[in-house]
Amino acid sequence: MDTVEHYRQLIEKVLSEYAAIPYPYGDLRHETVFDRDRDRYLLMTVGWENGKRVHYTLAHVDIIDGKIWIQKDGTEEGIGEELMAAGVSKNKIVPGFRSEARRRDMGFAVA
């Protein structure tokens, strides 16, 4: 299987598993947005809480130049940890929300 296709499937699986977890309070739910043409994957939280509209990105993952870029990760476990548990090596994961120096210190891909 093509590496990028494998990454797509893993990212979709991880984000879908998070989306399946019921939200503990409010009239909120998680939704996934998968754009395979641009290799952009989102986990959104949407709904209503205390009479106010809630709409935010919990996680944002891209595939860029054959690497998985985690642009935002608001999950408890960490998407990078889940991807590594599924067999993706650290040098193929870029925590884009961290500085290059911090990525290097953590052992992840820089870019």
Protein backbone atom coordinates (compact mmCIF):
# COMPACT_ATOMS: atom_id res chain seq x y z
CA MET A 1 0.00 0.00 0.00
CA ASP A 2 1.13 3.51 -0.82
CA THR A 3 2.58 5.26 2.26
CA VAL A 4 0.43 8.38 1.84
CA GLU A 5 -2.70 6.25 1.46
CA HIS A 6 -1.73 4.36 4.60
CA TYR A 7 -1.28 7.66 6.46
CA ARG A 8 -4.71 8.82 5.24
CA GLN A 9 -6.34 5.69 6.58
CA LEU A 10 -4.56 5.94 9.95
CA ILE A 11 -5.41 9.63 10.42
CA GLU A 12 -9.05 9.03 9.51
CA LYS A 13 -9.23 6.08 11.90
CA VAL A 14 -7.72 8.02 14.83
CA LEU A 15 -9.90 11.10 14.30
CA SER A 16 -13.04 8.98 13.78
CA GLU A 17 -12.40 7.19 17.07
CA TYR A 18 -12.22 10.55 18.86
CA ALA A 19 -15.39 11.70 17.09
CA ALA A 20 -17.24 8.64 18.37
CA ILE A 21 -16.63 9.61 22.02
CA PRO A 22 -19.78 11.31 23.36
CA TYR A 23 -19.27 14.81 24.67
CA PRO A 24 -19.70 14.81 28.48
CA TYR A 25 -21.84 17.95 28.79
CA GLY A 26 -23.80 20.50 26.81
CA ASP A 27 -25.41 19.85 23.46
CA LEU A 28 -22.03 19.29 21.79
CA ARG A 29 -20.70 16.71 19.39
CA HIS A 30 -17.48 15.95 17.56
CA GLU A 31 -17.39 15.90 13.76
CA THR A 32 -14.69 14.91 11.32
CA VAL A 33 -13.82 16.74 8.11
CA PHE A 34 -11.65 14.76 5.68
CA ASP A 35 -10.29 16.40 2.52
CA ARG A 36 -8.31 13.65 0.78
CA ASP A 37 -7.66 15.83 -2.29
CA ARG A 38 -5.67 18.30 -0.18
CA ASP A 39 -4.72 15.82 2.57
CA ARG A 40 -6.29 17.94 5.30
CA TYR A 41 -8.09 16.31 8.24
CA LEU A 42 -10.02 18.04 11.02
CA LEU A 43 -11.76 17.06 14.23
CA MET A 44 -14.33 19.69 15.12
CA THR A 45 -16.44 20.31 18.21
CA VAL A 46 -19.80 21.88 17.39
CA GLY A 47 -23.10 22.56 19.12
CA TRP A 48 -24.47 24.64 21.97
CA GLU A 49 -23.36 25.14 25.55
CA ASN A 50 -25.08 27.43 28.07
CA GLY A 51 -26.98 29.16 25.26
CA LYS A 52 -23.81 29.94 23.29
CA ARG A 53 -22.73 28.52 19.95
CA VAL A 54 -19.62 26.35 20.10
CA HIS A 55 -17.61 25.76 16.93
CA TYR A 56 -13.91 25.04 17.12
CA THR A 57 -11.18 22.86 15.76
CA LEU A 58 -10.02 20.28 18.28
CA ALA A 59 -7.43 18.74 15.95
CA HIS A 60 -5.97 19.57 12.54
CA VAL A 61 -3.68 17.16 10.68
CA ASP A 62 -2.17 17.53 7.19
CA ILE A 63 -0.03 15.29 5.04
CA ILE A 64 2.69 17.45 3.48
CA ASP A 65 5.61 16.10 1.44
CA GLY A 66 5.06 12.57 2.73
CA LYS A 67 5.02 13.55 6.41
CA ILE A 68 2.16 13.87 8.87
CA TRP A 69 1.90 17.43 10.15
CA ILE A 70 -0.08 17.80 13.35
CA GLN A 71 -1.07 21.45 13.15
CA LYS A 72 -3.26 21.42 16.26
CA ASP A 73 -3.89 18.75 18.85
CA GLY A 74 -6.40 19.39 21.61
CA THR A 75 -6.83 15.71 22.47
CA GLU A 76 -5.83 14.25 25.82
CA GLU A 77 -3.83 11.28 24.54
CA GLY A 78 -2.16 13.03 21.65
CA ILE A 79 -2.57 12.20 17.99
CA GLY A 80 1.19 11.74 17.56
CA GLU A 81 1.20 9.08 20.28
CA GLU A 82 -1.68 7.27 18.60
CA LEU A 83 0.04 7.36 15.22
CA MET A 84 3.29 6.05 16.68
CA ALA A 85 1.36 3.23 18.39
CA ALA A 86 0.00 2.39 14.93
CA GLY A 87 3.54 2.10 13.55
CA VAL A 88 4.35 5.56 12.17
CA SER A 89 7.94 6.50 13.00
CA LYS A 90 8.67 9.76 14.83
CA ASN A 91 10.72 11.04 11.90
CA LYS A 92 7.53 11.05 9.77
CA ILE A 93 5.50 13.11 12.26
CA VAL A 94 5.87 16.88 12.48
CA PRO A 95 4.25 18.58 15.49
CA GLY A 96 3.61 21.82 13.58
CA PHE A 97 2.37 23.59 16.71
CA ARG A 98 5.90 23.35 18.20
CA SER A 99 8.99 25.33 17.21
CA GLU A 100 11.63 23.59 15.08
CA ALA A 101 14.03 23.52 18.03
CA ARG A 102 11.41 21.90 20.26
CA ARG A 103 10.54 19.31 17.56
CA ARG A 104 14.21 18.41 17.26
CA ASP A 105 14.57 18.11 21.07
CA MET A 106 11.54 15.82 21.18
CA GLY A 107 12.94 13.58 18.41
CA PHE A 108 10.21 14.37 15.87
CA ALA A 109 10.64 15.44 12.26
CA VAL A 110 11.49 19.12 11.91
CA ALA A 111 9.85 19.58 8.49
